[in-house]
Amino acid sequence: MSKFPLISGKKCIKVLEQFGFVVYRQRGSHATLVRENPPNQTTVPLHKELDRGTLKAILRQSGIGVDEFTGKL
């Protein structure tokens, strides 16, 4: 398992969109993304830099591995 990268919330959303997620709604500084197949939902804070724990939770909720995610950066 590789190290978690330090990225922004907007960059995280762009990578998640490559996995089939779309922005469903945004409220304040948080965007909710959904995916139809397989059905899934996650929330991404739109901060300049995501904490590693937050990014780890987003990837766990979305069912994406760290290596898969970093390969799309």
PDB file of N, CA and C in Angstrom:
ATOM      1  N   MET A   1       0.847  -1.172   0.000  1.00  0.00           N
ATOM      2  CA  MET A   1       0.000   0.000   0.000  1.00  0.00           C
ATOM      3  C   MET A   1       0.891   1.233   0.000  1.00  0.00           C
ATOM      4  N   SER A   2       0.591   2.163  -0.872  1.00  0.00           N
ATOM      5  CA  SER A   2       1.410   3.358  -0.980  1.00  0.00           C
ATOM      6  C   SER A   2       0.926   4.427  -0.005  1.00  0.00           C
ATOM      7  N   LYS A   3       1.728   5.452   0.153  1.00  0.00           N
ATOM      8  CA  LYS A   3       1.429   6.551   1.055  1.00  0.00           C
ATOM      9  C   LYS A   3       0.297   7.409   0.493  1.00  0.00           C
ATOM     10  N   PHE A   4      -0.526   7.938   1.387  1.00  0.00           N
ATOM     11  CA  PHE A   4      -1.620   8.793   0.968  1.00  0.00           C
ATOM     12  C   PHE A   4      -1.082  10.144   0.493  1.00  0.00           C
ATOM     13  N   PRO A   5      -1.503  10.600  -0.674  1.00  0.00           N
ATOM     14  CA  PRO A   5      -1.029  11.892  -1.184  1.00  0.00           C
ATOM     15  C   PRO A   5      -1.763  13.050  -0.508  1.00  0.00           C
ATOM     16  N   LEU A   6      -1.169  14.207  -0.511  1.00  0.00           N
ATOM     17  CA  LEU A   6      -1.825  15.421  -0.040  1.00  0.00           C
ATOM     18  C   LEU A   6      -2.396  16.137  -1.259  1.00  0.00           C
ATOM     19  N   ILE A   7      -3.720  16.136  -1.358  1.00  0.00           N
ATOM     20  CA  ILE A   7      -4.386  16.761  -2.497  1.00  0.00           C
ATOM     21  C   ILE A   7      -5.521  17.637  -2.002  1.00  0.00           C
ATOM     22  N   SER A   8      -6.047  18.464  -2.885  1.00  0.00           N
ATOM     23  CA  SER A   8      -7.174  19.327  -2.541  1.00  0.00           C
ATOM     24  C   SER A   8      -8.489  18.565  -2.731  1.00  0.00           C
ATOM     25  N   GLY A   9      -9.554  19.133  -2.199  1.00  0.00           N
ATOM     26  CA  GLY A   9     -10.871  18.531  -2.360  1.00  0.00           C
ATOM     27  C   GLY A   9     -11.311  18.510  -3.812  1.00  0.00           C
ATOM     28  N   LYS A  10     -10.995  19.578  -4.552  1.00  0.00           N
ATOM     29  CA  LYS A  10     -11.373  19.646  -5.969  1.00  0.00           C
ATOM     30  C   LYS A  10     -10.648  18.578  -6.780  1.00  0.00           C
ATOM     31  N   LYS A  11      -9.365  18.351  -6.479  1.00  0.00           N
ATOM     32  CA  LYS A  11      -8.602  17.312  -7.183  1.00  0.00           C
ATOM     33  C   LYS A  11      -9.161  15.934  -6.851  1.00  0.00           C
ATOM     34  N   CYS A  12      -9.563  15.730  -5.609  1.00  0.00           N
ATOM     35  CA  CYS A  12     -10.157  14.462  -5.196  1.00  0.00           C
ATOM     36  C   CYS A  12     -11.444  14.197  -5.981  1.00  0.00           C
ATOM     37  N   ILE A  13     -12.251  15.233  -6.156  1.00  0.00           N
ATOM     38  CA  ILE A  13     -13.499  15.082  -6.907  1.00  0.00           C
ATOM     39  C   ILE A  13     -13.207  14.733  -8.360  1.00  0.00           C
ATOM     40  N   LYS A  14     -12.206  15.370  -8.959  1.00  0.00           N
ATOM     41  CA  LYS A  14     -11.863  15.073 -10.352  1.00  0.00           C
ATOM     42  C   LYS A  14     -11.444  13.616 -10.523  1.00  0.00           C
ATOM     43  N   VAL A  15     -10.702  13.085  -9.559  1.00  0.00           N
ATOM     44  CA  VAL A  15     -10.278  11.694  -9.640  1.00  0.00           C
ATOM     45  C   VAL A  15     -11.466  10.763  -9.414  1.00  0.00           C
ATOM     46  N   LEU A  16     -12.338  11.089  -8.466  1.00  0.00           N
ATOM     47  CA  LEU A  16     -13.517  10.257  -8.216  1.00  0.00           C
ATOM     48  C   LEU A  16     -14.447  10.243  -9.422  1.00  0.00           C
ATOM     49  N   GLU A  17     -14.501  11.335 -10.168  1.00  0.00           N
ATOM     50  CA  GLU A  17     -15.319  11.366 -11.379  1.00  0.00           C
ATOM     51  C   GLU A  17     -14.816  10.373 -12.415  1.00  0.00           C
ATOM     52  N   GLN A  18     -13.526  10.077 -12.410  1.00  0.00           N
ATOM     53  CA  GLN A  18     -12.976   9.066 -13.322  1.00  0.00           C
ATOM     54  C   GLN A  18     -13.453   7.664 -12.944  1.00  0.00           C
ATOM     55  N   PHE A  19     -13.902   7.480 -11.715  1.00  0.00           N
ATOM     56  CA  PHE A  19     -14.417   6.200 -11.255  1.00  0.00           C
ATOM     57  C   PHE A  19     -15.941   6.127 -11.350  1.00  0.00           C
ATOM     58  N   GLY A  20     -16.567   7.104 -11.999  1.00  0.00           N
ATOM     59  CA  GLY A  20     -18.010   7.063 -12.224  1.00  0.00           C
ATOM     60  C   GLY A  20     -18.841   7.880 -11.258  1.00  0.00           C
ATOM     61  N   PHE A  21     -18.216   8.607 -10.350  1.00  0.00           N
ATOM     62  CA  PHE A  21     -18.962   9.451  -9.421  1.00  0.00           C
ATOM     63  C   PHE A  21     -19.329  10.762 -10.103  1.00  0.00           C
ATOM     64  N   VAL A  22     -20.462  11.324  -9.709  1.00  0.00           N
ATOM     65  CA  VAL A  22     -20.881  12.647 -10.168  1.00  0.00           C
ATOM     66  C   VAL A  22     -21.280  13.465  -8.945  1.00  0.00           C
ATOM     67  N   VAL A  23     -21.091  14.783  -9.043  1.00  0.00           N
ATOM     68  CA  VAL A  23     -21.474  15.659  -7.936  1.00  0.00           C
ATOM     69  C   VAL A  23     -22.992  15.742  -7.913  1.00  0.00           C
ATOM     70  N   TYR A  24     -23.578  15.269  -6.828  1.00  0.00           N
ATOM     71  CA  TYR A  24     -25.032  15.249  -6.670  1.00  0.00           C
ATOM     72  C   TYR A  24     -25.527  16.586  -6.138  1.00  0.00           C
ATOM     73  N   ARG A  25     -24.810  17.105  -5.136  1.00  0.00           N
ATOM     74  CA  ARG A  25     -25.172  18.405  -4.579  1.00  0.00           C
ATOM     75  C   ARG A  25     -23.991  18.958  -3.798  1.00  0.00           C
ATOM     76  N   GLN A  26     -24.058  20.240  -3.512  1.00  0.00           N
ATOM     77  CA  GLN A  26     -23.032  20.887  -2.706  1.00  0.00           C
ATOM     78  C   GLN A  26     -23.729  21.778  -1.699  1.00  0.00           C
ATOM     79  N   ARG A  27     -23.290  21.681  -0.475  1.00  0.00           N
ATOM     80  CA  ARG A  27     -23.837  22.534   0.576  1.00  0.00           C
ATOM     81  C   ARG A  27     -22.675  23.125   1.352  1.00  0.00           C
ATOM     82  N   GLY A  28     -22.476  24.401   1.185  1.00  0.00           N
ATOM     83  CA  GLY A  28     -21.346  25.055   1.828  1.00  0.00           C
ATOM     84  C   GLY A  28     -20.039  24.559   1.232  1.00  0.00           C
ATOM     85  N   SER A  29     -19.151  24.067   2.092  1.00  0.00           N
ATOM     86  CA  SER A  29     -17.841  23.633   1.620  1.00  0.00           C
ATOM     87  C   SER A  29     -17.750  22.115   1.472  1.00  0.00           C
ATOM     88  N   HIS A  30     -18.894  21.432   1.367  1.00  0.00           N
ATOM     89  CA  HIS A  30     -18.893  19.982   1.206  1.00  0.00           C
ATOM     90  C   HIS A  30     -19.711  19.591  -0.023  1.00  0.00           C
ATOM     91  N   ALA A  31     -19.144  18.702  -0.827  1.00  0.00           N
ATOM     92  CA  ALA A  31     -19.838  18.206  -2.023  1.00  0.00           C
ATOM     93  C   ALA A  31     -20.172  16.735  -1.815  1.00  0.00           C
ATOM     94  N   THR A  32     -21.383  16.352  -2.161  1.00  0.00           N
ATOM     95  CA  THR A  32     -21.816  14.963  -2.085  1.00  0.00           C
ATOM     96  C   THR A  32     -21.755  14.364  -3.471  1.00  0.00           C
ATOM     97  N   LEU A  33     -21.053  13.242  -3.588  1.00  0.00           N
ATOM     98  CA  LEU A  33     -20.911  12.556  -4.867  1.00  0.00           C
ATOM     99  C   LEU A  33     -21.631  11.221  -4.798  1.00  0.00           C
ATOM    100  N   VAL A  34     -22.254  10.838  -5.907  1.00  0.00           N
ATOM    101  CA  VAL A  34     -22.946   9.553  -5.982  1.00  0.00           C
ATOM    102  C   VAL A  34     -22.484   8.802  -7.223  1.00  0.00           C
ATOM    103  N   ARG A  35     -22.652   7.486  -7.155  1.00  0.00           N
ATOM    104  CA  ARG A  35     -22.329   6.620  -8.288  1.00  0.00           C
ATOM    105  C   ARG A  35     -23.478   5.640  -8.437  1.00  0.00           C
ATOM    106  N   GLU A  36     -23.876   5.397  -9.677  1.00  0.00           N
ATOM    107  CA  GLU A  36     -25.017   4.518  -9.936  1.00  0.00           C
ATOM    108  C   GLU A  36     -24.649   3.043  -9.861  1.00  0.00           C
ATOM    109  N   ASN A  37     -23.527   2.668 -10.499  1.00  0.00           N
ATOM    110  CA  ASN A  37     -23.214   1.241 -10.580  1.00  0.00           C
ATOM    111  C   ASN A  37     -21.766   0.998 -10.218  1.00  0.00           C
ATOM    112  N   PRO A  38     -21.436   0.336  -9.142  1.00  0.00           N
ATOM    113  CA  PRO A  38     -22.308  -0.071  -8.037  1.00  0.00           C
ATOM    114  C   PRO A  38     -22.737   1.145  -7.219  1.00  0.00           C
ATOM    115  N   PRO A  39     -23.938   1.111  -6.663  1.00  0.00           N
ATOM    116  CA  PRO A  39     -24.456   2.280  -5.950  1.00  0.00           C
ATOM    117  C   PRO A  39     -23.568   2.647  -4.761  1.00  0.00           C
ATOM    118  N   ASN A  40     -23.258   3.938  -4.671  1.00  0.00           N
ATOM    119  CA  ASN A  40     -22.364   4.407  -3.628  1.00  0.00           C
ATOM    120  C   ASN A  40     -22.519   5.916  -3.467  1.00  0.00           C
ATOM    121  N   GLN A  41     -22.186   6.406  -2.266  1.00  0.00           N
ATOM    122  CA  GLN A  41     -22.257   7.843  -1.989  1.00  0.00           C
ATOM    123  C   GLN A  41     -21.130   8.206  -1.037  1.00  0.00           C
ATOM    124  N   THR A  42     -20.538   9.352  -1.238  1.00  0.00           N
ATOM    125  CA  THR A  42     -19.506   9.859  -0.344  1.00  0.00           C
ATOM    126  C   THR A  42     -19.526  11.377  -0.363  1.00  0.00           C
ATOM    127  N   THR A  43     -18.989  11.979   0.690  1.00  0.00           N
ATOM    128  CA  THR A  43     -18.931  13.427   0.811  1.00  0.00           C
ATOM    129  C   THR A  43     -17.478  13.866   0.864  1.00  0.00           C
ATOM    130  N   VAL A  44     -17.159  14.906   0.087  1.00  0.00           N
ATOM    131  CA  VAL A  44     -15.787  15.416   0.013  1.00  0.00           C
ATOM    132  C   VAL A  44     -15.788  16.878   0.448  1.00  0.00           C
ATOM    133  N   PRO A  45     -14.984  17.223   1.467  1.00  0.00           N
ATOM    134  CA  PRO A  45     -14.861  18.638   1.832  1.00  0.00           C
ATOM    135  C   PRO A  45     -14.007  19.366   0.794  1.00  0.00           C
ATOM    136  N   LEU A  46     -14.386  20.565   0.443  1.00  0.00           N
ATOM    137  CA  LEU A  46     -13.683  21.330  -0.586  1.00  0.00           C
ATOM    138  C   LEU A  46     -12.601  22.203   0.045  1.00  0.00           C
ATOM    139  N   HIS A  47     -11.663  21.556   0.728  1.00  0.00           N
ATOM    140  CA  HIS A  47     -10.569  22.266   1.372  1.00  0.00           C
ATOM    141  C   HIS A  47      -9.360  22.307   0.446  1.00  0.00           C
ATOM    142  N   LYS A  48      -8.424  23.201   0.733  1.00  0.00           N
ATOM    143  CA  LYS A  48      -7.218  23.297  -0.089  1.00  0.00           C
ATOM    144  C   LYS A  48      -6.349  22.062   0.039  1.00  0.00           C
ATOM    145  N   GLU A  49      -6.385  21.438   1.213  1.00  0.00           N
ATOM    146  CA  GLU A  49      -5.601  20.231   1.440  1.00  0.00           C
ATOM    147  C   GLU A  49      -6.396  19.308   2.354  1.00  0.00           C
ATOM    148  N   LEU A  50      -6.661  18.086   1.887  1.00  0.00           N
ATOM    149  CA  LEU A  50      -7.398  17.118   2.688  1.00  0.00           C
ATOM    150  C   LEU A  50      -6.448  16.420   3.650  1.00  0.00           C
ATOM    151  N   ASP A  51      -6.899  16.204   4.882  1.00  0.00           N
ATOM    152  CA  ASP A  51      -6.120  15.408   5.822  1.00  0.00           C
ATOM    153  C   ASP A  51      -6.030  13.985   5.307  1.00  0.00           C
ATOM    154  N   ARG A  52      -4.974  13.301   5.670  1.00  0.00           N
ATOM    155  CA  ARG A  52      -4.804  11.922   5.200  1.00  0.00           C
ATOM    156  C   ARG A  52      -5.906  11.014   5.736  1.00  0.00           C
ATOM    157  N   GLY A  53      -6.336  11.247   6.965  1.00  0.00           N
ATOM    158  CA  GLY A  53      -7.417  10.447   7.538  1.00  0.00           C
ATOM    159  C   GLY A  53      -8.732  10.660   6.810  1.00  0.00           C
ATOM    160  N   THR A  54      -8.978  11.903   6.413  1.00  0.00           N
ATOM    161  CA  THR A  54     -10.198  12.220   5.657  1.00  0.00           C
ATOM    162  C   THR A  54     -10.165  11.545   4.294  1.00  0.00           C
ATOM    163  N   LEU A  55      -9.027  11.607   3.622  1.00  0.00           N
ATOM    164  CA  LEU A  55      -8.895  10.968   2.318  1.00  0.00           C
ATOM    165  C   LEU A  55      -9.040   9.456   2.443  1.00  0.00           C
ATOM    166  N   LYS A  56      -8.485   8.898   3.503  1.00  0.00           N
ATOM    167  CA  LYS A  56      -8.602   7.452   3.739  1.00  0.00           C
ATOM    168  C   LYS A  56     -10.068   7.054   3.929  1.00  0.00           C
ATOM    169  N   ALA A  57     -10.823   7.867   4.654  1.00  0.00           N
ATOM    170  CA  ALA A  57     -12.242   7.592   4.868  1.00  0.00           C
ATOM    171  C   ALA A  57     -13.035   7.710   3.565  1.00  0.00           C
ATOM    172  N   ILE A  58     -12.703   8.707   2.741  1.00  0.00           N
ATOM    173  CA  ILE A  58     -13.385   8.886   1.451  1.00  0.00           C
ATOM    174  C   ILE A  58     -13.148   7.672   0.565  1.00  0.00           C
ATOM    175  N   LEU A  59     -11.908   7.200   0.507  1.00  0.00           N
ATOM    176  CA  LEU A  59     -11.590   6.039  -0.327  1.00  0.00           C
ATOM    177  C   LEU A  59     -12.261   4.778   0.212  1.00  0.00           C
ATOM    178  N   ARG A  60     -12.311   4.626   1.529  1.00  0.00           N
ATOM    179  CA  ARG A  60     -12.968   3.458   2.118  1.00  0.00           C
ATOM    180  C   ARG A  60     -14.462   3.471   1.789  1.00  0.00           C
ATOM    181  N   GLN A  61     -15.100   4.633   1.910  1.00  0.00           N
ATOM    182  CA  GLN A  61     -16.523   4.747   1.606  1.00  0.00           C
ATOM    183  C   GLN A  61     -16.817   4.495   0.136  1.00  0.00           C
ATOM    184  N   SER A  62     -15.910   4.913  -0.729  1.00  0.00           N
ATOM    185  CA  SER A  62     -16.147   4.776  -2.161  1.00  0.00           C
ATOM    186  C   SER A  62     -15.711   3.421  -2.699  1.00  0.00           C
ATOM    187  N   GLY A  63     -14.987   2.643  -1.908  1.00  0.00           N
ATOM    188  CA  GLY A  63     -14.571   1.313  -2.351  1.00  0.00           C
ATOM    189  C   GLY A  63     -13.414   1.338  -3.331  1.00  0.00           C
ATOM    190  N   ILE A  64     -12.571   2.362  -3.249  1.00  0.00           N
ATOM    191  CA  ILE A  64     -11.432   2.511  -4.158  1.00  0.00           C
ATOM    192  C   ILE A  64     -10.151   2.325  -3.358  1.00  0.00           C
ATOM    193  N   GLY A  65      -9.227   1.568  -3.897  1.00  0.00           N
ATOM    194  CA  GLY A  65      -7.944   1.351  -3.244  1.00  0.00           C
ATOM    195  C   GLY A  65      -7.016   2.532  -3.433  1.00  0.00           C
ATOM    196  N   VAL A  66      -6.045   2.645  -2.552  1.00  0.00           N
ATOM    197  CA  VAL A  66      -5.097   3.758  -2.607  1.00  0.00           C
ATOM    198  C   VAL A  66      -4.293   3.712  -3.904  1.00  0.00           C
ATOM    199  N   ASP A  67      -3.853   2.525  -4.286  1.00  0.00           N
ATOM    200  CA  ASP A  67      -3.053   2.391  -5.510  1.00  0.00           C
ATOM    201  C   ASP A  67      -3.870   2.764  -6.746  1.00  0.00           C
ATOM    202  N   GLU A  68      -5.150   2.355  -6.765  1.00  0.00           N
ATOM    203  CA  GLU A  68      -6.021   2.730  -7.889  1.00  0.00           C
ATOM    204  C   GLU A  68      -6.176   4.255  -7.952  1.00  0.00           C
ATOM    205  N   PHE A  69      -6.381   4.853  -6.790  1.00  0.00           N
ATOM    206  CA  PHE A  69      -6.606   6.292  -6.704  1.00  0.00           C
ATOM    207  C   PHE A  69      -5.372   7.063  -7.144  1.00  0.00           C
ATOM    208  N   THR A  70      -4.219   6.687  -6.611  1.00  0.00           N
ATOM    209  CA  THR A  70      -2.990   7.409  -6.969  1.00  0.00           C
ATOM    210  C   THR A  70      -2.593   7.179  -8.418  1.00  0.00           C
ATOM    211  N   GLY A  71      -3.030   6.077  -9.004  1.00  0.00           N
ATOM    212  CA  GLY A  71      -2.746   5.839 -10.419  1.00  0.00           C
ATOM    213  C   GLY A  71      -3.486   6.790 -11.345  1.00  0.00           C
ATOM    214  N   LYS A  72      -4.579   7.357 -10.874  1.00  0.00           N
ATOM    215  CA  LYS A  72      -5.386   8.288 -11.683  1.00  0.00           C
ATOM    216  C   LYS A  72      -4.997   9.741 -11.474  1.00  0.00           C
ATOM    217  N   LEU A  73      -4.091  10.019 -10.522  1.00  0.00           N
ATOM    218  CA  LEU A  73      -3.716  11.411 -10.239  1.00  0.00           C
ATOM    219  C   LEU A  73      -3.005  12.043 -11.386  1.00  0.00           C
TER     220      LEU A  73
END
